[in-house]
C-alpha atoms as a PDB file:
ATOM      1  CA  MET A   1       0.000   0.000   0.000  1.00  0.00           C
ATOM      2  CA  ILE A   2       1.347   3.426  -0.939  1.00  0.00           C
ATOM      3  CA  LYS A   3       1.518   5.837   1.956  1.00  0.00           C
ATOM      4  CA  LYS A   4       1.468   9.462   0.931  1.00  0.00           C
ATOM      5  CA  VAL A   5       3.904  11.500   3.002  1.00  0.00           C
ATOM      6  CA  ASP A   6       2.930  15.013   4.077  1.00  0.00           C
ATOM      7  CA  LEU A   7       5.615  16.730   6.105  1.00  0.00           C
ATOM      8  CA  GLY A   8       4.172  19.420   8.316  1.00  0.00           C
ATOM      9  CA  SER A   9       1.591  20.743   5.894  1.00  0.00           C
ATOM     10  CA  SER A  10      -0.264  22.430   8.722  1.00  0.00           C
ATOM     11  CA  LEU A  11       2.811  24.550   9.354  1.00  0.00           C
ATOM     12  CA  HIS A  12       2.927  25.897   5.815  1.00  0.00           C
ATOM     13  CA  HIS A  13      -0.686  26.176   4.731  1.00  0.00           C
ATOM     14  CA  GLY A  14      -3.118  28.417   6.528  1.00  0.00           C
ATOM     15  CA  VAL A  15      -6.862  28.728   6.426  1.00  0.00           C
ATOM     16  CA  PHE A  16      -6.599  30.928   3.340  1.00  0.00           C
ATOM     17  CA  GLY A  17      -4.221  31.089   0.418  1.00  0.00           C
ATOM     18  CA  ASN A  18      -1.526  33.753   0.313  1.00  0.00           C
ATOM     19  CA  PRO A  19      -3.466  37.030   0.757  1.00  0.00           C
ATOM     20  CA  ALA A  20      -0.465  39.324   0.197  1.00  0.00           C
ATOM     21  CA  PRO A  21      -1.048  39.827  -3.573  1.00  0.00           C
ATOM     22  CA  LEU A  22      -4.532  41.173  -2.815  1.00  0.00           C
ATOM     23  CA  GLY A  23      -3.150  43.801  -0.465  1.00  0.00           C
ATOM     24  CA  LEU A  24      -0.291  44.653  -2.806  1.00  0.00           C
ATOM     25  CA  PHE A  25      -2.618  45.076  -5.785  1.00  0.00           C
ATOM     26  CA  GLY A  26      -4.736  47.346  -3.612  1.00  0.00           C
ATOM     27  CA  LEU A  27      -1.651  49.340  -2.695  1.00  0.00           C
ATOM     28  CA  ALA A  28      -0.582  49.657  -6.349  1.00  0.00           C
ATOM     29  CA  ILE A  29      -4.016  50.957  -7.357  1.00  0.00           C
ATOM     30  CA  SER A  30      -4.126  53.308  -4.365  1.00  0.00           C
ATOM     31  CA  CYS A  31      -0.736  54.752  -5.291  1.00  0.00           C
ATOM     32  CA  ALA A  32      -1.934  55.135  -8.880  1.00  0.00           C
ATOM     33  CA  VAL A  33      -4.948  57.223  -7.849  1.00  0.00           C
ATOM     34  CA  LEU A  34      -2.795  59.277  -5.459  1.00  0.00           C
ATOM     35  CA  THR A  35      -0.315  60.158  -8.200  1.00  0.00           C
ATOM     36  CA  PRO A  36      -2.345  62.876 -10.018  1.00  0.00           C
ATOM     37  CA  THR A  37      -2.979  64.910  -6.864  1.00  0.00           C
ATOM     38  CA  ALA A  38       0.587  64.284  -5.676  1.00  0.00           C
ATOM     39  CA  PHE A  39       1.787  66.107  -8.803  1.00  0.00           C
ATOM     40  CA  GLY A  40      -0.654  68.975  -8.375  1.00  0.00           C
ATOM     41  CA  TYR A  41      -3.740  67.826 -10.247  1.00  0.00           C
ATOM     42  CA  GLY A  42      -7.000  68.842  -8.567  1.00  0.00           C
ATOM     43  CA  ILE A  43      -5.961  72.377  -7.694  1.00  0.00           C
ATOM     44  CA  ALA A  44      -6.598  75.063 -10.313  1.00  0.00           C
ATOM     45  CA  ASP A  45      -5.980  78.751  -9.645  1.00  0.00           C
ATOM     46  CA  GLY A  46      -5.741  78.013  -5.942  1.00  0.00           C
ATOM     47  CA  LYS A  47      -9.148  76.341  -5.894  1.00  0.00           C
ATOM     48  CA  ILE A  48      -9.880  72.747  -4.953  1.00  0.00           C
ATOM     49  CA  MET A  49     -11.466  70.538  -7.616  1.00  0.00           C
ATOM     50  CA  ALA A  50     -13.794  68.544  -5.364  1.00  0.00           C
ATOM     51  CA  PRO A  51     -14.445  65.667  -7.832  1.00  0.00           C
ATOM     52  CA  ALA A  52     -10.715  64.885  -8.090  1.00  0.00           C
ATOM     53  CA  PHE A  53     -10.214  64.580  -4.335  1.00  0.00           C
ATOM     54  CA  ALA A  54     -13.544  62.839  -3.700  1.00  0.00           C
ATOM     55  CA  THR A  55     -12.847  60.260  -6.422  1.00  0.00           C
ATOM     56  CA  THR A  56      -9.394  59.615  -4.986  1.00  0.00           C
ATOM     57  CA  GLY A  57     -10.934  59.164  -1.542  1.00  0.00           C
ATOM     58  CA  ILE A  58     -13.392  56.560  -2.851  1.00  0.00           C
ATOM     59  CA  PHE A  59     -10.603  54.499  -4.412  1.00  0.00           C
ATOM     60  CA  LEU A  60      -8.513  54.744  -1.241  1.00  0.00           C
ATOM     61  CA  LEU A  61     -11.467  53.599   0.818  1.00  0.00           C
ATOM     62  CA  PHE A  62     -11.881  50.381  -1.157  1.00  0.00           C
ATOM     63  CA  PHE A  63      -8.492  49.534  -2.674  1.00  0.00           C
ATOM     64  CA  GLY A  64      -6.531  50.949   0.241  1.00  0.00           C
ATOM     65  CA  PHE A  65      -8.536  50.422   3.421  1.00  0.00           C
ATOM     66  CA  ALA A  66     -10.804  47.501   2.495  1.00  0.00           C
ATOM     67  CA  SER A  67      -8.245  45.384   0.617  1.00  0.00           C
ATOM     68  CA  HIS A  68      -5.584  45.838   3.292  1.00  0.00           C
ATOM     69  CA  LEU A  69      -7.982  45.137   6.132  1.00  0.00           C
ATOM     70  CA  LEU A  70      -9.138  41.933   4.422  1.00  0.00           C
ATOM     71  CA  THR A  71      -5.542  40.938   3.704  1.00  0.00           C
ATOM     72  CA  GLY A  72      -4.503  41.582   7.296  1.00  0.00           C
ATOM     73  CA  ILE A  73      -7.372  39.541   8.722  1.00  0.00           C
ATOM     74  CA  MET A  74      -6.558  36.617   6.422  1.00  0.00           C
ATOM     75  CA  ASP A  75      -2.881  36.838   7.383  1.00  0.00           C
ATOM     76  CA  PHE A  76      -3.811  36.656  11.063  1.00  0.00           C
ATOM     77  CA  ALA A  77      -6.035  33.650  10.305  1.00  0.00           C
ATOM     78  CA  ASN A  78      -3.025  32.056   8.591  1.00  0.00           C
ATOM     79  CA  LYS A  79      -1.016  32.699  11.785  1.00  0.00           C
ATOM     80  CA  ASN A  80       1.168  35.244  10.000  1.00  0.00           C
ATOM     81  CA  THR A  81       1.549  37.874  12.707  1.00  0.00           C
ATOM     82  CA  TYR A  82       4.053  39.986  10.780  1.00  0.00           C
ATOM     83  CA  GLY A  83       1.955  40.284   7.637  1.00  0.00           C
ATOM     84  CA  GLY A  84      -1.294  40.624   9.565  1.00  0.00           C
ATOM     85  CA  THR A  85       0.036  43.468  11.689  1.00  0.00           C
ATOM     86  CA  ILE A  86       1.459  45.396   8.746  1.00  0.00           C
ATOM     87  CA  PHE A  87      -1.543  45.090   6.438  1.00  0.00           C
ATOM     88  CA  THR A  88      -4.086  45.821   9.176  1.00  0.00           C
ATOM     89  CA  ALA A  89      -2.163  48.885  10.359  1.00  0.00           C
ATOM     90  CA  PHE A  90      -1.852  50.026   6.745  1.00  0.00           C
ATOM     91  CA  ALA A  91      -5.607  49.608   6.352  1.00  0.00           C
ATOM     92  CA  PHE A  92      -6.382  52.130   9.073  1.00  0.00           C
ATOM     93  CA  ASN A  93      -3.750  54.468   7.680  1.00  0.00           C
ATOM     94  CA  TRP A  94      -5.503  54.271   4.293  1.00  0.00           C
ATOM     95  CA  MET A  95      -8.795  55.057   6.027  1.00  0.00           C
ATOM     96  CA  ILE A  96      -7.304  58.234   7.499  1.00  0.00           C
ATOM     97  CA  THR A  97      -5.889  59.181   4.089  1.00  0.00           C
ATOM     98  CA  ALA A  98      -9.274  58.616   2.437  1.00  0.00           C
ATOM     99  CA  ILE A  99     -11.016  60.753   5.060  1.00  0.00           C
ATOM    100  CA  THR A 100      -8.395  63.448   4.509  1.00  0.00           C
ATOM    101  CA  TYR A 101      -9.186  63.534   0.798  1.00  0.00           C
ATOM    102  CA  PHE A 102     -12.915  63.686   1.487  1.00  0.00           C
ATOM    103  CA  SER A 103     -12.350  66.541   3.929  1.00  0.00           C
ATOM    104  CA  ILE A 104     -10.379  68.480   1.318  1.00  0.00           C
ATOM    105  CA  ALA A 105     -13.034  67.818  -1.319  1.00  0.00           C
ATOM    106  CA  TYR A 106     -15.821  69.115   0.909  1.00  0.00           C
ATOM    107  CA  ASN A 107     -13.834  71.934   2.504  1.00  0.00           C
ATOM    108  CA  TYR A 108     -13.653  70.406   5.962  1.00  0.00           C
ATOM    109  CA  HIS A 109      -9.973  70.470   6.793  1.00  0.00           C
ATOM    110  CA  ILE A 110      -8.475  68.196   9.423  1.00  0.00           C
ATOM    111  CA  ASP A 111      -5.848  69.277  11.961  1.00  0.00           C
ATOM    112  CA  HIS A 112      -2.462  68.746  10.310  1.00  0.00           C
ATOM    113  CA  ASN A 113      -0.582  68.903  13.618  1.00  0.00           C
ATOM    114  CA  ILE A 114      -2.378  65.776  14.802  1.00  0.00           C
ATOM    115  CA  VAL A 115      -1.685  64.070  11.472  1.00  0.00           C
ATOM    116  CA  LEU A 116       1.965  65.094  11.779  1.00  0.00           C
ATOM    117  CA  ALA A 117       2.226  63.462  15.210  1.00  0.00           C
ATOM    118  CA  SER A 118       0.901  60.189  13.812  1.00  0.00           C
ATOM    119  CA  GLU A 119       3.281  60.339  10.844  1.00  0.00           C
ATOM    120  CA  ILE A 120       6.266  60.736  13.152  1.00  0.00           C
ATOM    121  CA  VAL A 121       5.285  57.541  14.959  1.00  0.00           C
ATOM    122  CA  MET A 122       4.660  55.778  11.643  1.00  0.00           C
ATOM    123  CA  MET A 123       8.101  56.837  10.452  1.00  0.00           C
ATOM    124  CA  VAL A 124       9.728  55.209  13.483  1.00  0.00           C
ATOM    125  CA  VAL A 125       7.685  52.037  12.958  1.00  0.00           C
ATOM    126  CA  PHE A 126       8.586  51.860   9.273  1.00  0.00           C
ATOM    127  CA  VAL A 127      12.304  52.076  10.024  1.00  0.00           C
ATOM    128  CA  PHE A 128      12.092  48.889  12.093  1.00  0.00           C
ATOM    129  CA  LEU A 129       9.793  47.213   9.572  1.00  0.00           C
ATOM    130  CA  THR A 130      12.311  47.987   6.838  1.00  0.00           C
ATOM    131  CA  TYR A 131      14.973  46.117   8.772  1.00  0.00           C
ATOM    132  CA  GLY A 132      12.558  43.226   9.332  1.00  0.00           C
ATOM    133  CA  PHE A 133      11.658  43.008   5.650  1.00  0.00           C
ATOM    134  CA  GLY A 134      15.349  42.676   4.861  1.00  0.00           C
ATOM    135  CA  PHE A 135      15.147  39.166   6.311  1.00  0.00           C
ATOM    136  CA  PHE A 136      12.612  38.239   3.605  1.00  0.00           C
ATOM    137  CA  SER A 137      13.983  39.665   0.354  1.00  0.00           C
ATOM    138  CA  LYS A 138      15.838  42.592  -1.181  1.00  0.00           C
ATOM    139  CA  VAL A 139      12.798  43.815  -3.111  1.00  0.00           C
ATOM    140  CA  LEU A 140      10.702  43.871   0.067  1.00  0.00           C
ATOM    141  CA  PHE A 141      13.493  45.826   1.745  1.00  0.00           C
ATOM    142  CA  LEU A 142      13.449  48.372  -1.111  1.00  0.00           C
ATOM    143  CA  PHE A 143       9.661  48.459  -0.847  1.00  0.00           C
ATOM    144  CA  LEU A 144       9.828  49.589   2.782  1.00  0.00           C
ATOM    145  CA  LEU A 145      12.816  51.839   2.108  1.00  0.00           C
ATOM    146  CA  ASP A 146      10.692  53.689  -0.445  1.00  0.00           C
ATOM    147  CA  ILE A 147       8.026  54.189   2.234  1.00  0.00           C
ATOM    148  CA  ASP A 148      10.701  55.503   4.621  1.00  0.00           C
ATOM    149  CA  LEU A 149      11.879  58.056   2.061  1.00  0.00           C
ATOM    150  CA  LEU A 150       8.286  59.013   1.295  1.00  0.00           C
ATOM    151  CA  TYR A 151       7.585  59.709   4.959  1.00  0.00           C
ATOM    152  CA  ILE A 152      10.846  61.623   5.367  1.00  0.00           C
ATOM    153  CA  CYS A 153       9.785  63.935   2.545  1.00  0.00           C
ATOM    154  CA  LYS A 154       6.315  64.333   4.041  1.00  0.00           C
ATOM    155  CA  LEU A 155       7.766  65.217   7.440  1.00  0.00           C
ATOM    156  CA  LEU A 156      10.248  67.676   5.958  1.00  0.00           C
ATOM    157  CA  LYS A 157       7.438  69.341   4.044  1.00  0.00           C
ATOM    158  CA  ALA A 158       5.318  69.525   7.200  1.00  0.00           C
ATOM    159  CA  PHE A 159       8.119  71.052   9.286  1.00  0.00           C
ATOM    160  CA  THR A 160       9.436  73.478   6.661  1.00  0.00           C
ATOM    161  CA  GLY A 161       6.322  74.243   4.639  1.00  0.00           C
ATOM    162  CA  ASN A 162       8.467  73.950   1.512  1.00  0.00           C
ATOM    163  CA  GLY A 163       6.424  72.895  -1.523  1.00  0.00           C
ATOM    164  CA  ALA A 164       9.588  71.653  -3.240  1.00  0.00           C
ATOM    165  CA  PHE A 165       9.074  68.330  -1.459  1.00  0.00           C
ATOM    166  CA  ASN A 166       5.906  67.684  -3.482  1.00  0.00           C
ATOM    167  CA  LEU A 167       7.950  66.390  -6.411  1.00  0.00           C
ATOM    168  CA  PRO A 168       9.906  63.706  -4.485  1.00  0.00           C
ATOM    169  CA  ILE A 169       6.698  62.748  -2.653  1.00  0.00           C
ATOM    170  CA  GLY A 170       5.048  62.154  -6.023  1.00  0.00           C
ATOM    171  CA  ILE A 171       8.040  60.203  -7.332  1.00  0.00           C
ATOM    172  CA  PHE A 172       8.233  57.959  -4.266  1.00  0.00           C
ATOM    173  CA  THR A 173       4.469  57.380  -4.497  1.00  0.00           C
ATOM    174  CA  VAL A 174       4.821  56.181  -8.089  1.00  0.00           C
ATOM    175  CA  LEU A 175       7.776  53.948  -7.177  1.00  0.00           C
ATOM    176  CA  LEU A 176       5.840  52.502  -4.247  1.00  0.00           C
ATOM    177  CA  GLY A 177       2.970  51.541  -6.528  1.00  0.00           C
ATOM    178  CA  LEU A 178       5.295  49.976  -9.095  1.00  0.00           C
ATOM    179  CA  ILE A 179       7.175  47.923  -6.494  1.00  0.00           C
ATOM    180  CA  GLY A 180       3.871  46.859  -4.941  1.00  0.00           C
ATOM    181  CA  LEU A 181       2.599  45.761  -8.350  1.00  0.00           C
ATOM    182  CA  TRP A 182       5.821  43.809  -8.981  1.00  0.00           C
ATOM    183  CA  LEU A 183       5.513  42.016  -5.633  1.00  0.00           C
ATOM    184  CA  ALA A 184       1.835  41.251  -6.240  1.00  0.00           C
ATOM    185  CA  LEU A 185       2.601  39.713  -9.634  1.00  0.00           C
ATOM    186  CA  ALA A 186       5.453  37.737  -8.079  1.00  0.00           C
ATOM    187  CA  GLY A 187       3.097  36.324  -5.467  1.00  0.00           C
ATOM    188  CA  LEU A 188       0.568  35.306  -8.110  1.00  0.00           C
ATOM    189  CA  MET A 189       2.532  34.367 -11.218  1.00  0.00           C
ATOM    190  CA  ASN A 190       5.666  32.721  -9.809  1.00  0.00           C
ATOM    191  CA  PRO A 191       3.805  29.813  -8.135  1.00  0.00           C
ATOM    192  CA  VAL A 192       1.567  29.338 -11.191  1.00  0.00           C
ATOM    193  CA  THR A 193       4.373  29.266 -13.761  1.00  0.00           C
ATOM    194  CA  GLY A 194       6.772  27.315 -11.574  1.00  0.00           C
ATOM    195  CA  ARG A 195       9.565  29.805 -12.201  1.00  0.00           C
ATOM    196  CA  GLU A 196      10.599  33.210 -10.966  1.00  0.00           C
ATOM    197  CA  LEU A 197       9.050  35.492 -13.574  1.00  0.00           C
ATOM    198  CA  PHE A 198       9.152  38.362 -11.090  1.00  0.00           C
ATOM    199  CA  SER A 199      12.252  38.090  -8.948  1.00  0.00           C
ATOM    200  CA  VAL A 200      12.023  39.288  -5.360  1.00  0.00           C
ATOM    201  CA  GLY A 201      15.691  38.669  -4.605  1.00  0.00           C
ATOM    202  CA  LYS A 202      17.346  36.874  -1.749  1.00  0.00           C
ATOM    203  CA  PRO A 203      17.246  38.157   1.833  1.00  0.00           C
ATOM    204  CA  MET A 204      19.584  41.009   2.713  1.00  0.00           C
ATOM    205  CA  PHE A 205      19.992  39.746   6.266  1.00  0.00           C
ATOM    206  CA  TYR A 206      20.007  36.256   7.694  1.00  0.00           C
ATOM    207  CA  ALA A 207      18.915  35.292  11.171  1.00  0.00           C
ATOM    208  CA  PRO A 208      20.999  32.605  12.864  1.00  0.00           C
ATOM    209  CA  LYS A 209      19.147  29.321  12.700  1.00  0.00           C
ATOM    210  CA  LYS A 210      19.786  25.875  14.046  1.00  0.00           C
ATOM    211  CA  THR A 211      18.386  23.624  11.380  1.00  0.00           C
ATOM    212  CA  PHE A 212      18.656  19.953  10.583  1.00  0.00           C
ATOM    213  CA  SER A 213      20.868  19.162   7.603  1.00  0.00           C
ATOM    214  CA  PHE A 214      19.285  16.630   5.280  1.00  0.00           C
ATOM    215  CA  SER A 215      22.369  16.525   3.036  1.00  0.00           C
ATOM    216  CA  VAL A 216      23.795  13.187   4.244  1.00  0.00           C
ATOM    217  CA  ARG A 217      20.451  11.417   4.279  1.00  0.00           C
ATOM    218  CA  ARG A 218      19.575  12.825   0.880  1.00  0.00           C
ATOM    219  CA  SER A 219      22.908  11.691  -0.543  1.00  0.00           C
ATOM    220  CA  ILE A 220      22.259   8.168   0.754  1.00  0.00           C
ATOM    221  CA  PHE A 221      18.834   8.127  -0.874  1.00  0.00           C
ATOM    222  CA  GLU A 222      20.099   9.554  -4.170  1.00  0.00           C
ATOM    223  CA  THR A 223      22.954   7.063  -4.401  1.00  0.00           C
ATOM    224  CA  LEU A 224      20.788   4.061  -3.569  1.00  0.00           C
ATOM    225  CA  TYR A 225      17.986   5.262  -5.838  1.00  0.00           C
ATOM    226  CA  ARG A 226      20.383   5.478  -8.787  1.00  0.00           C
ATOM    227  CA  HIS A 227      21.621   2.020  -7.870  1.00  0.00           C
ATOM    228  CA  TRP A 228      18.033   0.740  -7.815  1.00  0.00           C
ATOM    229  CA  THR A 229      17.249   2.151 -11.272  1.00  0.00           C
ATOM    230  CA  ILE A 230      20.085   0.031 -12.690  1.00  0.00           C
ATOM    231  CA  HIS A 231      20.291  -3.027 -10.442  1.00  0.00           C
ATOM    232  CA  ALA A 232      16.750  -3.203  -9.068  1.00  0.00           C
ATOM    233  CA  PHE A 233      16.807  -4.764  -5.591  1.00  0.00           C
ATOM    234  CA  GLU A 234      20.384  -5.969  -5.758  1.00  0.00           C
ATOM    235  CA  GLU A 235      22.189  -4.689  -2.678  1.00  0.00           C
ATOM    236  CA  MET A 236      24.988  -2.138  -2.819  1.00  0.00           C
ATOM    237  CA  ALA A 237      28.242  -2.686  -0.939  1.00  0.00           C
ATOM    238  CA  VAL A 238      28.374  -0.320   2.008  1.00  0.00           C
ATOM    239  CA  ASP A 239      31.938   0.811   1.234  1.00  0.00           C
ATOM    240  CA  LYS A 240      30.818   2.034  -2.202  1.00  0.00           C
ATOM    241  CA  LEU A 241      27.916   3.864  -0.596  1.00  0.00           C
ATOM    242  CA  GLU A 242      30.232   5.458   1.963  1.00  0.00           C
ATOM    243  CA  GLU A 243      32.577   6.580  -0.812  1.00  0.00           C
ATOM    244  CA  ALA A 244      29.736   8.190  -2.774  1.00  0.00           C
ATOM    245  CA  VAL A 245      28.330   9.974   0.276  1.00  0.00           C
ATOM    246  CA  LYS A 246      31.769  11.185   1.342  1.00  0.00           C
ATOM    247  CA  SER A 247      32.354  12.586  -2.139  1.00  0.00           C
ATOM    248  CA  ALA A 248      29.075  14.511  -1.981  1.00  0.00           C
ATOM    249  CA  THR A 249      29.070  15.663   1.656  1.00  0.00           C
ATOM    250  CA  ALA A 250      32.595  15.093   3.063  1.00  0.00           C
ATOM    251  CA  ILE A 251      31.007  12.977   5.816  1.00  0.00           C
ATOM    252  CA  GLU A 252      32.778   9.683   6.421  1.00  0.00           C
ATOM    253  CA  ASN A 253      30.725   7.922   9.092  1.00  0.00           C
ATOM    254  CA  ILE A 254      27.208   7.208   7.841  1.00  0.00           C
ATOM    255  CA  THR A 255      26.546   4.168  10.026  1.00  0.00           C
ATOM    256  CA  PRO A 256      24.132   5.981  12.404  1.00  0.00           C
ATOM    257  CA  GLU A 257      22.137   7.199   9.396  1.00  0.00           C
ATOM    258  CA  LEU A 258      21.955   3.689   7.963  1.00  0.00           C
ATOM    259  CA  TYR A 259      20.709   2.256  11.251  1.00  0.00           C
ATOM    260  CA  TYR A 260      18.087   4.991  11.518  1.00  0.00           C
ATOM    261  CA  LEU A 261      16.839   4.462   7.961  1.00  0.00           C
ATOM    262  CA  MET A 262      16.744   0.727   8.569  1.00  0.00           C
ATOM    263  CA  GLU A 263      14.587   1.212  11.669  1.00  0.00           C
ATOM    264  CA  TYR A 264      12.395   3.630   9.730  1.00  0.00           C
ATOM    265  CA  GLY A 265      11.823   0.967   7.102  1.00  0.00           C
ATOM    266  CA  SER A 266      13.507   2.723   4.195  1.00  0.00           C
ATOM    267  CA  LEU A 267      16.567   0.465   3.985  1.00  0.00           C
ATOM    268  CA  TYR A 268      17.107  -3.257   3.822  1.00  0.00           C
ATOM    269  CA  VAL A 269      20.440  -4.034   5.495  1.00  0.00           C
ATOM    270  CA  THR A 270      22.627  -7.131   5.381  1.00  0.00           C
ATOM    271  CA  PHE A 271      25.245  -7.586   8.105  1.00  0.00           C
ATOM    272  CA  GLN A 272      28.576  -9.360   7.934  1.00  0.00           C
ATOM    273  CA  GLU A 273      28.527 -13.017   8.944  1.00  0.00           C
ATOM    274  CA  LYS A 274      31.556 -12.714  11.214  1.00  0.00           C
ATOM    275  CA  ASP A 275      30.322  -9.569  12.981  1.00  0.00           C
ATOM    276  CA  SER A 276      26.586  -8.949  13.068  1.00  0.00           C
ATOM    277  CA  ALA A 277      27.143  -5.332  14.134  1.00  0.00           C
ATOM    278  CA  ILE A 278      28.953  -4.371  10.925  1.00  0.00           C
ATOM    279  CA  ILE A 279      26.876  -3.551   7.847  1.00  0.00           C
ATOM    280  CA  LYS A 280      27.887  -5.380   4.679  1.00  0.00           C
ATOM    281  CA  SER A 281      25.455  -4.078   2.070  1.00  0.00           C
ATOM    282  CA  VAL A 282      22.227  -2.105   1.761  1.00  0.00           C
ATOM    283  CA  ARG A 283      19.410  -1.313  -0.633  1.00  0.00           C
ATOM    284  CA  LEU A 284      16.268   0.767  -0.632  1.00  0.00           C
ATOM    285  CA  THR A 285      13.044  -0.924   0.328  1.00  0.00           C
ATOM    286  CA  SER A 286       9.883  -0.253  -1.651  1.00  0.00           C
ATOM    287  CA  GLY A 287       8.896   2.170   1.097  1.00  0.00           C
ATOM    288  CA  GLY A 288      12.255   3.928   0.823  1.00  0.00           C
ATOM    289  CA  ILE A 289      11.859   4.273  -2.931  1.00  0.00           C
ATOM    290  CA  ASP A 290       8.376   5.698  -2.491  1.00  0.00           C
ATOM    291  CA  LEU A 291       9.583   8.103   0.204  1.00  0.00           C
ATOM    292  CA  TYR A 292      12.365   9.432  -2.033  1.00  0.00           C
ATOM    293  CA  GLU A 293      10.052   9.821  -5.009  1.00  0.00           C
ATOM    294  CA  GLN A 294       7.529  11.749  -2.935  1.00  0.00           C
ATOM    295  CA  LEU A 295       9.839  14.089  -1.050  1.00  0.00           C
ATOM    296  CA  ILE A 296      12.510  14.686  -3.681  1.00  0.00           C
ATOM    297  CA  LEU A 297      10.972  13.844  -7.052  1.00  0.00           C
ATOM    298  CA  LYS A 298       7.540  15.233  -6.038  1.00  0.00           C
ATOM    299  CA  LYS A 299       5.673  12.461  -7.808  1.00  0.00           C
ATOM    300  CA  TYR A 300       2.303  13.487  -6.367  1.00  0.00           C
ATOM    301  CA  GLU A 301       2.612  17.120  -7.454  1.00  0.00           C
ATOM    302  CA  PHE A 302       1.070  17.814 -10.831  1.00  0.00           C
END
């Protein structure tokens, strides 16, 4: 009977699929609708064009607030605290931005000093988040770095009152939307196509981890599997196996691994007649062959 092996699927698959592309698409669209007003559209002869700001507010309400709130909730349900916290916090920030645009459209201005206080706190938070995103990928790090630079420009404009910062604010808004769109497409298209159409880069930083190395065990399986494809269930001399594993991993003593795999049922082992504690030859069992084909060759993945 074939036993399908599923290693820790509950650790990698949540209640929902990956919700990040939804939030990132929402961010890209939100940045797109912010771009015209960021470059001065909506103000003519010192007068506010209410439709421009009201329309922007509507888009921010749905593609900014709603999509990020939904993404954050799904991330929390998937036990992704980092993603859930970021997207949910972003959602409420988008809500404030949408309300700000509505207030401008209908001539009900909010207190900018209070907004400034919140942006200072957000700036501090984003600095730490930028560092955290560096442990995921370089593109995510650049994504947060763009937000940092955007907030720096907004704060400088607020403190100095210099309108010259409007241009870099607009540029960083456009870049933020483009990077968000790239990340969203990476999250959707890369798994579907089976290749990295949209590269997100390797991590910039690496956290120290104590992980189990499967290299020796994998080398044993690969060597014996190749042997099986040629010699079927004829056993392989253990010294030849040791030589092959040593060549691949530089590990000389594989006896503990062989005993473990024998107990697990993946190896059939023959011992020397003179000394029953010394292994003479080995081969994969049918269960060992099936295990290798499932975990390494992915025979059940279509």
